[in-house]
């Protein structure tokens, strides 16, 4: 919200404000992990995350580096939009869960 109050009314400013709202809500346990990942604002809405958006998402998890995250992602399906690889939300959620729970994904969790 602070971005909007500081007269940053651009689309990028609005996106930054939405991302900050999600970070605060998750850090105060207003929303759970699944809600945080599934509804996190991204350029391609419901499709998934770009690499930069993964970095934005992971800020609330100081123990998760991008290296750990991509290792947990393993081999997963992805798509490309406008030349950006997009990681599906459910794969991102599973990778984060596995890191936080210190485990590998179970067979039934993969789609």
PDB file of N, CA and C in Angstrom:
ATOM      1  N   UNK A   1       0.813  -1.193   0.000  1.00  0.00           N
ATOM      2  CA  UNK A   1       0.000   0.000   0.000  1.00  0.00           C
ATOM      3  C   UNK A   1       0.858   1.260   0.000  1.00  0.00           C
ATOM      4  N   UNK A   2       1.999   1.201   0.646  1.00  0.00           N
ATOM      5  CA  UNK A   2       2.854   2.379   0.740  1.00  0.00           C
ATOM      6  C   UNK A   2       3.247   2.886  -0.645  1.00  0.00           C
ATOM      7  N   UNK A   3       3.477   1.971  -1.586  1.00  0.00           N
ATOM      8  CA  UNK A   3       3.820   2.391  -2.947  1.00  0.00           C
ATOM      9  C   UNK A   3       2.717   3.261  -3.549  1.00  0.00           C
ATOM     10  N   UNK A   4       1.470   2.879  -3.282  1.00  0.00           N
ATOM     11  CA  UNK A   4       0.359   3.653  -3.828  1.00  0.00           C
ATOM     12  C   UNK A   4       0.252   5.009  -3.145  1.00  0.00           C
ATOM     13  N   UNK A   5       0.474   5.039  -1.829  1.00  0.00           N
ATOM     14  CA  UNK A   5       0.420   6.309  -1.105  1.00  0.00           C
ATOM     15  C   UNK A   5       1.549   7.242  -1.531  1.00  0.00           C
ATOM     16  N   UNK A   6       2.640   6.707  -2.029  1.00  0.00           N
ATOM     17  CA  UNK A   6       3.762   7.519  -2.474  1.00  0.00           C
ATOM     18  C   UNK A   6       3.610   7.928  -3.943  1.00  0.00           C
ATOM     19  N   UNK A   7       2.385   7.942  -4.434  1.00  0.00           N
ATOM     20  CA  UNK A   7       2.058   8.402  -5.786  1.00  0.00           C
ATOM     21  C   UNK A   7       2.651   7.518  -6.880  1.00  0.00           C
ATOM     22  N   UNK A   8       2.898   6.275  -6.591  1.00  0.00           N
ATOM     23  CA  UNK A   8       3.376   5.358  -7.629  1.00  0.00           C
ATOM     24  C   UNK A   8       2.165   4.606  -8.159  1.00  0.00           C
ATOM     25  N   UNK A   9       1.464   5.231  -9.076  1.00  0.00           N
ATOM     26  CA  UNK A   9       0.209   4.692  -9.570  1.00  0.00           C
ATOM     27  C   UNK A   9       0.376   3.853 -10.832  1.00  0.00           C
ATOM     28  N   UNK A  10       1.593   3.527 -11.183  1.00  0.00           N
ATOM     29  CA  UNK A  10       1.825   2.712 -12.373  1.00  0.00           C
ATOM     30  C   UNK A  10       1.375   1.285 -12.111  1.00  0.00           C
ATOM     31  N   UNK A  11       1.279   0.492 -13.177  1.00  0.00           N
ATOM     32  CA  UNK A  11       0.928  -0.920 -13.024  1.00  0.00           C
ATOM     33  C   UNK A  11       1.975  -1.636 -12.175  1.00  0.00           C
ATOM     34  N   UNK A  12       3.254  -1.273 -12.367  1.00  0.00           N
ATOM     35  CA  UNK A  12       4.319  -1.884 -11.584  1.00  0.00           C
ATOM     36  C   UNK A  12       4.183  -1.510 -10.107  1.00  0.00           C
ATOM     37  N   UNK A  13       3.819  -0.257  -9.826  1.00  0.00           N
ATOM     38  CA  UNK A  13       3.623   0.180  -8.443  1.00  0.00           C
ATOM     39  C   UNK A  13       2.464  -0.544  -7.791  1.00  0.00           C
ATOM     40  N   UNK A  14       1.391  -0.742  -8.546  1.00  0.00           N
ATOM     41  CA  UNK A  14       0.235  -1.468  -8.016  1.00  0.00           C
ATOM     42  C   UNK A  14       0.604  -2.917  -7.731  1.00  0.00           C
ATOM     43  N   UNK A  15       1.392  -3.541  -8.616  1.00  0.00           N
ATOM     44  CA  UNK A  15       1.814  -4.922  -8.399  1.00  0.00           C
ATOM     45  C   UNK A  15       2.694  -5.025  -7.162  1.00  0.00           C
ATOM     46  N   UNK A  16       3.625  -4.088  -6.981  1.00  0.00           N
ATOM     47  CA  UNK A  16       4.477  -4.088  -5.793  1.00  0.00           C
ATOM     48  C   UNK A  16       3.633  -3.971  -4.532  1.00  0.00           C
ATOM     49  N   UNK A  17       2.613  -3.134  -4.567  1.00  0.00           N
ATOM     50  CA  UNK A  17       1.736  -2.966  -3.410  1.00  0.00           C
ATOM     51  C   UNK A  17       0.982  -4.259  -3.102  1.00  0.00           C
ATOM     52  N   UNK A  18       0.475  -4.936  -4.141  1.00  0.00           N
ATOM     53  CA  UNK A  18      -0.238  -6.205  -3.929  1.00  0.00           C
ATOM     54  C   UNK A  18       0.691  -7.264  -3.358  1.00  0.00           C
ATOM     55  N   UNK A  19       1.914  -7.327  -3.862  1.00  0.00           N
ATOM     56  CA  UNK A  19       2.884  -8.301  -3.361  1.00  0.00           C
ATOM     57  C   UNK A  19       3.175  -8.037  -1.890  1.00  0.00           C
ATOM     58  N   UNK A  20       3.352  -6.776  -1.524  1.00  0.00           N
ATOM     59  CA  UNK A  20       3.639  -6.428  -0.134  1.00  0.00           C
ATOM     60  C   UNK A  20       2.475  -6.808   0.787  1.00  0.00           C
ATOM     61  N   UNK A  21       1.252  -6.633   0.327  1.00  0.00           N
ATOM     62  CA  UNK A  21       0.081  -7.031   1.108  1.00  0.00           C
ATOM     63  C   UNK A  21       0.121  -8.537   1.377  1.00  0.00           C
ATOM     64  N   UNK A  22       0.468  -9.332   0.364  1.00  0.00           N
ATOM     65  CA  UNK A  22       0.541 -10.778   0.539  1.00  0.00           C
ATOM     66  C   UNK A  22       1.640 -11.164   1.519  1.00  0.00           C
ATOM     67  N   UNK A  23       2.795 -10.512   1.417  1.00  0.00           N
ATOM     68  CA  UNK A  23       3.892 -10.814   2.335  1.00  0.00           C
ATOM     69  C   UNK A  23       3.491 -10.539   3.774  1.00  0.00           C
ATOM     70  N   UNK A  24       2.857  -9.409   4.004  1.00  0.00           N
ATOM     71  CA  UNK A  24       2.432  -9.050   5.354  1.00  0.00           C
ATOM     72  C   UNK A  24       1.382 -10.031   5.862  1.00  0.00           C
ATOM     73  N   UNK A  25       0.412 -10.369   5.030  1.00  0.00           N
ATOM     74  CA  UNK A  25      -0.640 -11.301   5.432  1.00  0.00           C
ATOM     75  C   UNK A  25      -0.067 -12.661   5.794  1.00  0.00           C
ATOM     76  N   UNK A  26       0.901 -13.139   5.003  1.00  0.00           N
ATOM     77  CA  UNK A  26       1.501 -14.442   5.306  1.00  0.00           C
ATOM     78  C   UNK A  26       2.343 -14.367   6.572  1.00  0.00           C
ATOM     79  N   UNK A  27       3.138 -13.312   6.721  1.00  0.00           N
ATOM     80  CA  UNK A  27       4.012 -13.217   7.890  1.00  0.00           C
ATOM     81  C   UNK A  27       3.222 -13.055   9.182  1.00  0.00           C
ATOM     82  N   UNK A  28       2.009 -12.534   9.099  1.00  0.00           N
ATOM     83  CA  UNK A  28       1.164 -12.384  10.295  1.00  0.00           C
ATOM     84  C   UNK A  28       0.182 -13.549  10.437  1.00  0.00           C
ATOM     85  N   UNK A  29       0.366 -14.584   9.630  1.00  0.00           N
ATOM     86  CA  UNK A  29      -0.465 -15.801   9.669  1.00  0.00           C
ATOM     87  C   UNK A  29      -1.940 -15.512   9.392  1.00  0.00           C
ATOM     88  N   UNK A  30      -2.202 -14.489   8.602  1.00  0.00           N
ATOM     89  CA  UNK A  30      -3.577 -14.203   8.194  1.00  0.00           C
ATOM     90  C   UNK A  30      -3.983 -15.169   7.080  1.00  0.00           C
ATOM     91  N   UNK A  31      -3.015 -15.549   6.250  1.00  0.00           N
ATOM     92  CA  UNK A  31      -3.252 -16.543   5.211  1.00  0.00           C
ATOM     93  C   UNK A  31      -2.227 -17.664   5.381  1.00  0.00           C
ATOM     94  N   UNK A  32      -2.578 -18.857   4.913  1.00  0.00           N
ATOM     95  CA  UNK A  32      -1.656 -19.993   5.037  1.00  0.00           C
ATOM     96  C   UNK A  32      -0.766 -20.108   3.801  1.00  0.00           C
ATOM     97  N   UNK A  33       0.139 -21.067   3.833  1.00  0.00           N
ATOM     98  CA  UNK A  33       1.105 -21.243   2.752  1.00  0.00           C
ATOM     99  C   UNK A  33       0.422 -21.441   1.401  1.00  0.00           C
ATOM    100  N   UNK A  34      -0.582 -22.294   1.372  1.00  0.00           N
ATOM    101  CA  UNK A  34      -1.257 -22.562   0.102  1.00  0.00           C
ATOM    102  C   UNK A  34      -1.899 -21.292  -0.460  1.00  0.00           C
ATOM    103  N   UNK A  35      -2.579 -20.526   0.375  1.00  0.00           N
ATOM    104  CA  UNK A  35      -3.181 -19.278  -0.083  1.00  0.00           C
ATOM    105  C   UNK A  35      -2.109 -18.300  -0.550  1.00  0.00           C
ATOM    106  N   UNK A  36      -0.999 -18.262   0.175  1.00  0.00           N
ATOM    107  CA  UNK A  36       0.093 -17.353  -0.172  1.00  0.00           C
ATOM    108  C   UNK A  36       0.605 -17.634  -1.586  1.00  0.00           C
ATOM    109  N   UNK A  37       0.843 -18.898  -1.890  1.00  0.00           N
ATOM    110  CA  UNK A  37       1.387 -19.257  -3.208  1.00  0.00           C
ATOM    111  C   UNK A  37       0.318 -19.187  -4.297  1.00  0.00           C
ATOM    112  N   UNK A  38      -0.852 -19.729  -4.027  1.00  0.00           N
ATOM    113  CA  UNK A  38      -1.892 -19.800  -5.056  1.00  0.00           C
ATOM    114  C   UNK A  38      -2.387 -18.416  -5.474  1.00  0.00           C
ATOM    115  N   UNK A  39      -2.507 -17.502  -4.531  1.00  0.00           N
ATOM    116  CA  UNK A  39      -3.060 -16.185  -4.850  1.00  0.00           C
ATOM    117  C   UNK A  39      -2.007 -15.078  -4.941  1.00  0.00           C
ATOM    118  N   UNK A  40      -0.728 -15.433  -4.848  1.00  0.00           N
ATOM    119  CA  UNK A  40       0.332 -14.433  -4.937  1.00  0.00           C
ATOM    120  C   UNK A  40       0.236 -13.728  -6.291  1.00  0.00           C
ATOM    121  N   UNK A  41       0.272 -12.396  -6.297  1.00  0.00           N
ATOM    122  CA  UNK A  41       0.111 -11.669  -7.567  1.00  0.00           C
ATOM    123  C   UNK A  41       1.288 -11.905  -8.516  1.00  0.00           C
ATOM    124  N   UNK A  42       0.968 -12.272  -9.739  1.00  0.00           N
ATOM    125  CA  UNK A  42       1.989 -12.493 -10.761  1.00  0.00           C
ATOM    126  C   UNK A  42       1.546 -11.851 -12.077  1.00  0.00           C
ATOM    127  N   UNK A  43       2.508 -11.662 -12.941  1.00  0.00           N
ATOM    128  CA  UNK A  43       2.249 -11.044 -14.249  1.00  0.00           C
ATOM    129  C   UNK A  43       1.231 -11.846 -15.053  1.00  0.00           C
ATOM    130  N   UNK A  44       1.308 -13.166 -14.953  1.00  0.00           N
ATOM    131  CA  UNK A  44       0.439 -14.028 -15.753  1.00  0.00           C
ATOM    132  C   UNK A  44      -0.667 -14.656 -14.922  1.00  0.00           C
ATOM    133  N   UNK A  45      -1.114 -13.929 -13.915  1.00  0.00           N
ATOM    134  CA  UNK A  45      -2.196 -14.325 -13.016  1.00  0.00           C
ATOM    135  C   UNK A  45      -2.152 -15.778 -12.583  1.00  0.00           C
ATOM    136  N   UNK A  46      -3.111 -16.563 -13.023  1.00  0.00           N
ATOM    137  CA  UNK A  46      -3.264 -17.919 -12.499  1.00  0.00           C
ATOM    138  C   UNK A  46      -2.268 -18.922 -13.074  1.00  0.00           C
ATOM    139  N   UNK A  47      -1.519 -18.548 -14.095  1.00  0.00           N
ATOM    140  CA  UNK A  47      -0.643 -19.510 -14.763  1.00  0.00           C
ATOM    141  C   UNK A  47       0.529 -19.951 -13.905  1.00  0.00           C
ATOM    142  N   UNK A  48       1.275 -19.001 -13.364  1.00  0.00           N
ATOM    143  CA  UNK A  48       2.440 -19.378 -12.572  1.00  0.00           C
ATOM    144  C   UNK A  48       3.401 -18.232 -12.382  1.00  0.00           C
ATOM    145  N   UNK A  49       4.662 -18.590 -12.102  1.00  0.00           N
ATOM    146  CA  UNK A  49       5.676 -17.636 -11.690  1.00  0.00           C
ATOM    147  C   UNK A  49       6.841 -17.565 -12.668  1.00  0.00           C
ATOM    148  N   UNK A  50       7.299 -16.354 -12.925  1.00  0.00           N
ATOM    149  CA  UNK A  50       8.563 -16.160 -13.632  1.00  0.00           C
ATOM    150  C   UNK A  50       9.688 -16.278 -12.602  1.00  0.00           C
ATOM    151  N   UNK A  51      10.920 -16.302 -13.062  1.00  0.00           N
ATOM    152  CA  UNK A  51      12.057 -16.401 -12.145  1.00  0.00           C
ATOM    153  C   UNK A  51      12.098 -15.216 -11.176  1.00  0.00           C
ATOM    154  N   UNK A  52      11.837 -14.017 -11.664  1.00  0.00           N
ATOM    155  CA  UNK A  52      11.836 -12.835 -10.788  1.00  0.00           C
ATOM    156  C   UNK A  52      10.725 -12.935  -9.749  1.00  0.00           C
ATOM    157  N   UNK A  53       9.571 -13.437 -10.155  1.00  0.00           N
ATOM    158  CA  UNK A  53       8.452 -13.575  -9.220  1.00  0.00           C
ATOM    159  C   UNK A  53       8.739 -14.632  -8.158  1.00  0.00           C
ATOM    160  N   UNK A  54       9.500 -15.670  -8.523  1.00  0.00           N
ATOM    161  CA  UNK A  54       9.933 -16.656  -7.527  1.00  0.00           C
ATOM    162  C   UNK A  54      10.771 -15.955  -6.461  1.00  0.00           C
ATOM    163  N   UNK A  55      11.682 -15.092  -6.882  1.00  0.00           N
ATOM    164  CA  UNK A  55      12.505 -14.341  -5.926  1.00  0.00           C
ATOM    165  C   UNK A  55      11.632 -13.489  -5.013  1.00  0.00           C
ATOM    166  N   UNK A  56      10.618 -12.830  -5.576  1.00  0.00           N
ATOM    167  CA  UNK A  56       9.696 -12.021  -4.771  1.00  0.00           C
ATOM    168  C   UNK A  56       8.932 -12.885  -3.777  1.00  0.00           C
ATOM    169  N   UNK A  57       8.495 -14.041  -4.219  1.00  0.00           N
ATOM    170  CA  UNK A  57       7.731 -14.968  -3.376  1.00  0.00           C
ATOM    171  C   UNK A  57       8.563 -15.484  -2.209  1.00  0.00           C
ATOM    172  N   UNK A  58       9.830 -15.797  -2.467  1.00  0.00           N
ATOM    173  CA  UNK A  58      10.674 -16.445  -1.465  1.00  0.00           C
ATOM    174  C   UNK A  58      11.211 -15.506  -0.391  1.00  0.00           C
ATOM    175  N   UNK A  59      10.988 -14.217  -0.512  1.00  0.00           N
ATOM    176  CA  UNK A  59      11.521 -13.272   0.468  1.00  0.00           C
ATOM    177  C   UNK A  59      11.071 -13.608   1.895  1.00  0.00           C
ATOM    178  N   UNK A  60       9.872 -14.115   2.060  1.00  0.00           N
ATOM    179  CA  UNK A  60       9.376 -14.419   3.415  1.00  0.00           C
ATOM    180  C   UNK A  60       9.959 -15.713   3.987  1.00  0.00           C
ATOM    181  N   UNK A  61      10.754 -16.411   3.205  1.00  0.00           N
ATOM    182  CA  UNK A  61      11.373 -17.663   3.646  1.00  0.00           C
ATOM    183  C   UNK A  61      12.890 -17.505   3.660  1.00  0.00           C
ATOM    184  N   UNK A  62      13.461 -16.923   4.711  1.00  0.00           N
ATOM    185  CA  UNK A  62      14.911 -16.674   4.705  1.00  0.00           C
ATOM    186  C   UNK A  62      15.754 -17.946   4.584  1.00  0.00           C
ATOM    187  N   UNK A  63      15.205 -19.099   4.940  1.00  0.00           N
ATOM    188  CA  UNK A  63      15.971 -20.352   4.851  1.00  0.00           C
ATOM    189  C   UNK A  63      15.958 -20.950   3.447  1.00  0.00           C
ATOM    190  N   UNK A  64      15.132 -20.413   2.559  1.00  0.00           N
ATOM    191  CA  UNK A  64      15.033 -20.970   1.212  1.00  0.00           C
ATOM    192  C   UNK A  64      15.771 -20.068   0.228  1.00  0.00           C
ATOM    193  N   UNK A  65      16.901 -20.549  -0.240  1.00  0.00           N
ATOM    194  CA  UNK A  65      17.621 -19.840  -1.301  1.00  0.00           C
ATOM    195  C   UNK A  65      17.044 -20.289  -2.645  1.00  0.00           C
ATOM    196  N   UNK A  66      17.339 -19.519  -3.680  1.00  0.00           N
ATOM    197  CA  UNK A  66      16.869 -19.931  -5.005  1.00  0.00           C
ATOM    198  C   UNK A  66      17.499 -21.258  -5.404  1.00  0.00           C
ATOM    199  N   UNK A  67      18.750 -21.482  -4.986  1.00  0.00           N
ATOM    200  CA  UNK A  67      19.414 -22.746  -5.300  1.00  0.00           C
ATOM    201  C   UNK A  67      18.660 -23.917  -4.662  1.00  0.00           C
ATOM    202  N   UNK A  68      18.300 -23.784  -3.379  1.00  0.00           N
ATOM    203  CA  UNK A  68      17.527 -24.836  -2.701  1.00  0.00           C
ATOM    204  C   UNK A  68      16.167 -25.015  -3.369  1.00  0.00           C
ATOM    205  N   UNK A  69      15.561 -23.891  -3.718  1.00  0.00           N
ATOM    206  CA  UNK A  69      14.238 -23.957  -4.335  1.00  0.00           C
ATOM    207  C   UNK A  69      14.280 -24.733  -5.644  1.00  0.00           C
ATOM    208  N   UNK A  70      15.213 -24.370  -6.524  1.00  0.00           N
ATOM    209  CA  UNK A  70      15.272 -25.045  -7.826  1.00  0.00           C
ATOM    210  C   UNK A  70      15.705 -26.504  -7.686  1.00  0.00           C
ATOM    211  N   UNK A  71      16.497 -26.815  -6.691  1.00  0.00           N
ATOM    212  CA  UNK A  71      16.842 -28.211  -6.443  1.00  0.00           C
ATOM    213  C   UNK A  71      15.594 -28.983  -6.016  1.00  0.00           C
ATOM    214  N   UNK A  72      14.776 -28.376  -5.165  1.00  0.00           N
ATOM    215  CA  UNK A  72      13.535 -29.024  -4.735  1.00  0.00           C
ATOM    216  C   UNK A  72      12.539 -29.149  -5.883  1.00  0.00           C
ATOM    217  N   UNK A  73      12.561 -28.198  -6.807  1.00  0.00           N
ATOM    218  CA  UNK A  73      11.666 -28.279  -7.966  1.00  0.00           C
ATOM    219  C   UNK A  73      12.004 -29.506  -8.801  1.00  0.00           C
ATOM    220  N   UNK A  74      13.287 -29.864  -8.836  1.00  0.00           N
ATOM    221  CA  UNK A  74      13.697 -31.028  -9.617  1.00  0.00           C
ATOM    222  C   UNK A  74      13.322 -30.851 -11.070  1.00  0.00           C
ATOM    223  N   UNK A  75      12.853 -31.915 -11.652  1.00  0.00           N
ATOM    224  CA  UNK A  75      12.399 -31.868 -13.042  1.00  0.00           C
ATOM    225  C   UNK A  75      10.896 -31.654 -13.001  1.00  0.00           C
ATOM    226  N   UNK A  76      10.474 -30.533 -13.514  1.00  0.00           N
ATOM    227  CA  UNK A  76       9.042 -30.247 -13.518  1.00  0.00           C
ATOM    228  C   UNK A  76       8.650 -29.690 -14.873  1.00  0.00           C
ATOM    229  N   UNK A  77       7.384 -29.732 -15.133  1.00  0.00           N
ATOM    230  CA  UNK A  77       6.891 -29.179 -16.386  1.00  0.00           C
ATOM    231  C   UNK A  77       6.776 -27.666 -16.244  1.00  0.00           C
ATOM    232  N   UNK A  78       6.933 -26.976 -17.322  1.00  0.00           N
ATOM    233  CA  UNK A  78       6.797 -25.522 -17.335  1.00  0.00           C
ATOM    234  C   UNK A  78       6.336 -25.110 -18.720  1.00  0.00           C
ATOM    235  N   UNK A  79       5.975 -23.869 -18.828  1.00  0.00           N
ATOM    236  CA  UNK A  79       5.590 -23.325 -20.123  1.00  0.00           C
ATOM    237  C   UNK A  79       6.345 -22.021 -20.309  1.00  0.00           C
ATOM    238  N   UNK A  80       6.255 -21.455 -21.463  1.00  0.00           N
ATOM    239  CA  UNK A  80       6.877 -20.156 -21.716  1.00  0.00           C
ATOM    240  C   UNK A  80       5.817 -19.200 -22.244  1.00  0.00           C
ATOM    241  N   UNK A  81       5.828 -17.993 -21.693  1.00  0.00           N
ATOM    242  CA  UNK A  81       4.948 -16.928 -22.165  1.00  0.00           C
ATOM    243  C   UNK A  81       5.837 -15.717 -22.419  1.00  0.00           C
ATOM    244  N   UNK A  82       5.763 -15.178 -23.609  1.00  0.00           N
ATOM    245  CA  UNK A  82       6.589 -14.027 -23.990  1.00  0.00           C
ATOM    246  C   UNK A  82       8.077 -14.294 -23.733  1.00  0.00           C
ATOM    247  N   UNK A  83       8.506 -15.525 -23.918  1.00  0.00           N
ATOM    248  CA  UNK A  83       9.906 -15.879 -23.733  1.00  0.00           C
ATOM    249  C   UNK A  83      10.315 -16.133 -22.293  1.00  0.00           C
ATOM    250  N   UNK A  84       9.402 -15.936 -21.334  1.00  0.00           N
ATOM    251  CA  UNK A  84       9.690 -16.204 -19.918  1.00  0.00           C
ATOM    252  C   UNK A  84       9.238 -17.608 -19.554  1.00  0.00           C
ATOM    253  N   UNK A  85      10.134 -18.426 -18.988  1.00  0.00           N
ATOM    254  CA  UNK A  85       9.670 -19.712 -18.464  1.00  0.00           C
ATOM    255  C   UNK A  85       8.749 -19.460 -17.266  1.00  0.00           C
ATOM    256  N   UNK A  86       7.645 -20.169 -17.226  1.00  0.00           N
ATOM    257  CA  UNK A  86       6.662 -20.017 -16.156  1.00  0.00           C
ATOM    258  C   UNK A  86       6.559 -21.334 -15.395  1.00  0.00           C
ATOM    259  N   UNK A  87       6.792 -21.285 -14.095  1.00  0.00           N
ATOM    260  CA  UNK A  87       6.646 -22.464 -13.242  1.00  0.00           C
ATOM    261  C   UNK A  87       5.229 -22.490 -12.694  1.00  0.00           C
ATOM    262  N   UNK A  88       4.590 -23.654 -12.800  1.00  0.00           N
ATOM    263  CA  UNK A  88       3.213 -23.778 -12.349  1.00  0.00           C
ATOM    264  C   UNK A  88       3.108 -23.606 -10.839  1.00  0.00           C
ATOM    265  N   UNK A  89       2.016 -22.982 -10.402  1.00  0.00           N
ATOM    266  CA  UNK A  89       1.817 -22.682  -8.983  1.00  0.00           C
ATOM    267  C   UNK A  89       1.852 -23.928  -8.104  1.00  0.00           C
ATOM    268  N   UNK A  90       1.213 -25.009  -8.530  1.00  0.00           N
ATOM    269  CA  UNK A  90       1.184 -26.200  -7.671  1.00  0.00           C
ATOM    270  C   UNK A  90       2.577 -26.818  -7.521  1.00  0.00           C
ATOM    271  N   UNK A  91       3.422 -26.718  -8.547  1.00  0.00           N
ATOM    272  CA  UNK A  91       4.798 -27.216  -8.435  1.00  0.00           C
ATOM    273  C   UNK A  91       5.614 -26.342  -7.482  1.00  0.00           C
ATOM    274  N   UNK A  92       5.395 -25.039  -7.548  1.00  0.00           N
ATOM    275  CA  UNK A  92       6.085 -24.105  -6.659  1.00  0.00           C
ATOM    276  C   UNK A  92       5.678 -24.382  -5.209  1.00  0.00           C
ATOM    277  N   UNK A  93       4.388 -24.553  -4.982  1.00  0.00           N
ATOM    278  CA  UNK A  93       3.887 -24.845  -3.643  1.00  0.00           C
ATOM    279  C   UNK A  93       4.492 -26.138  -3.102  1.00  0.00           C
ATOM    280  N   UNK A  94       4.544 -27.171  -3.922  1.00  0.00           N
ATOM    281  CA  UNK A  94       5.107 -28.444  -3.490  1.00  0.00           C
ATOM    282  C   UNK A  94       6.588 -28.309  -3.139  1.00  0.00           C
ATOM    283  N   UNK A  95       7.340 -27.601  -3.934  1.00  0.00           N
ATOM    284  CA  UNK A  95       8.768 -27.412  -3.659  1.00  0.00           C
ATOM    285  C   UNK A  95       8.980 -26.701  -2.327  1.00  0.00           C
ATOM    286  N   UNK A  96       8.211 -25.650  -2.084  1.00  0.00           N
ATOM    287  CA  UNK A  96       8.338 -24.917  -0.822  1.00  0.00           C
ATOM    288  C   UNK A  96       7.960 -25.806   0.358  1.00  0.00           C
ATOM    289  N   UNK A  97       6.853 -26.542   0.229  1.00  0.00           N
ATOM    290  CA  UNK A  97       6.438 -27.460   1.311  1.00  0.00           C
ATOM    291  C   UNK A  97       7.543 -28.474   1.622  1.00  0.00           C
ATOM    292  N   UNK A  98       8.105 -29.056   0.590  1.00  0.00           N
ATOM    293  CA  UNK A  98       9.142 -30.076   0.796  1.00  0.00           C
ATOM    294  C   UNK A  98      10.367 -29.487   1.492  1.00  0.00           C
ATOM    295  N   UNK A  99      10.757 -28.285   1.129  1.00  0.00           N
ATOM    296  CA  UNK A  99      11.904 -27.657   1.787  1.00  0.00           C
ATOM    297  C   UNK A  99      11.585 -27.385   3.248  1.00  0.00           C
ATOM    298  N   UNK A 100      10.426 -26.814   3.523  1.00  0.00           N
ATOM    299  CA  UNK A 100      10.059 -26.465   4.893  1.00  0.00           C
ATOM    300  C   UNK A 100       9.882 -27.707   5.770  1.00  0.00           C
ATOM    301  N   UNK A 101       9.394 -28.790   5.164  1.00  0.00           N
ATOM    302  CA  UNK A 101       9.176 -30.043   5.907  1.00  0.00           C
ATOM    303  C   UNK A 101      10.382 -30.969   5.839  1.00  0.00           C
ATOM    304  N   UNK A 102      11.442 -30.535   5.171  1.00  0.00           N
ATOM    305  CA  UNK A 102      12.694 -31.296   5.042  1.00  0.00           C
ATOM    306  C   UNK A 102      12.437 -32.717   4.538  1.00  0.00           C
ATOM    307  N   UNK A 103      11.809 -32.776   3.382  1.00  0.00           N
ATOM    308  CA  UNK A 103      11.486 -34.079   2.790  1.00  0.00           C
ATOM    309  C   UNK A 103      11.487 -33.974   1.282  1.00  0.00           C
ATOM    310  N   UNK A 104      11.393 -35.124   0.642  1.00  0.00           N
ATOM    311  CA  UNK A 104      11.240 -35.177  -0.818  1.00  0.00           C
ATOM    312  C   UNK A 104       9.758 -35.334  -1.128  1.00  0.00           C
ATOM    313  N   UNK A 105       9.343 -34.960  -2.311  1.00  0.00           N
ATOM    314  CA  UNK A 105       7.929 -35.124  -2.659  1.00  0.00           C
ATOM    315  C   UNK A 105       7.538 -36.598  -2.715  1.00  0.00           C
ATOM    316  N   UNK A 106       6.329 -36.867  -2.273  1.00  0.00           N
ATOM    317  CA  UNK A 106       5.798 -38.230  -2.363  1.00  0.00           C
ATOM    318  C   UNK A 106       5.235 -38.454  -3.762  1.00  0.00           C
ATOM    319  N   UNK A 107       5.225 -39.676  -4.210  1.00  0.00           N
ATOM    320  CA  UNK A 107       4.784 -40.009  -5.554  1.00  0.00           C
ATOM    321  C   UNK A 107       3.396 -39.447  -5.860  1.00  0.00           C
ATOM    322  N   UNK A 108       2.481 -39.554  -4.909  1.00  0.00           N
ATOM    323  CA  UNK A 108       1.104 -39.098  -5.140  1.00  0.00           C
ATOM    324  C   UNK A 108       0.977 -37.568  -5.219  1.00  0.00           C
ATOM    325  N   UNK A 109       2.033 -36.848  -4.846  1.00  0.00           N
ATOM    326  CA  UNK A 109       1.974 -35.384  -4.894  1.00  0.00           C
ATOM    327  C   UNK A 109       2.279 -34.821  -6.270  1.00  0.00           C
ATOM    328  N   UNK A 110       2.952 -35.602  -7.100  1.00  0.00           N
ATOM    329  CA  UNK A 110       3.276 -35.115  -8.444  1.00  0.00           C
ATOM    330  C   UNK A 110       2.087 -35.303  -9.353  1.00  0.00           C
ATOM    331  N   UNK A 111       1.911 -34.358 -10.264  1.00  0.00           N
ATOM    332  CA  UNK A 111       0.793 -34.474 -11.202  1.00  0.00           C
ATOM    333  C   UNK A 111       1.203 -35.170 -12.469  1.00  0.00           C
TER     334      UNK A 111
END
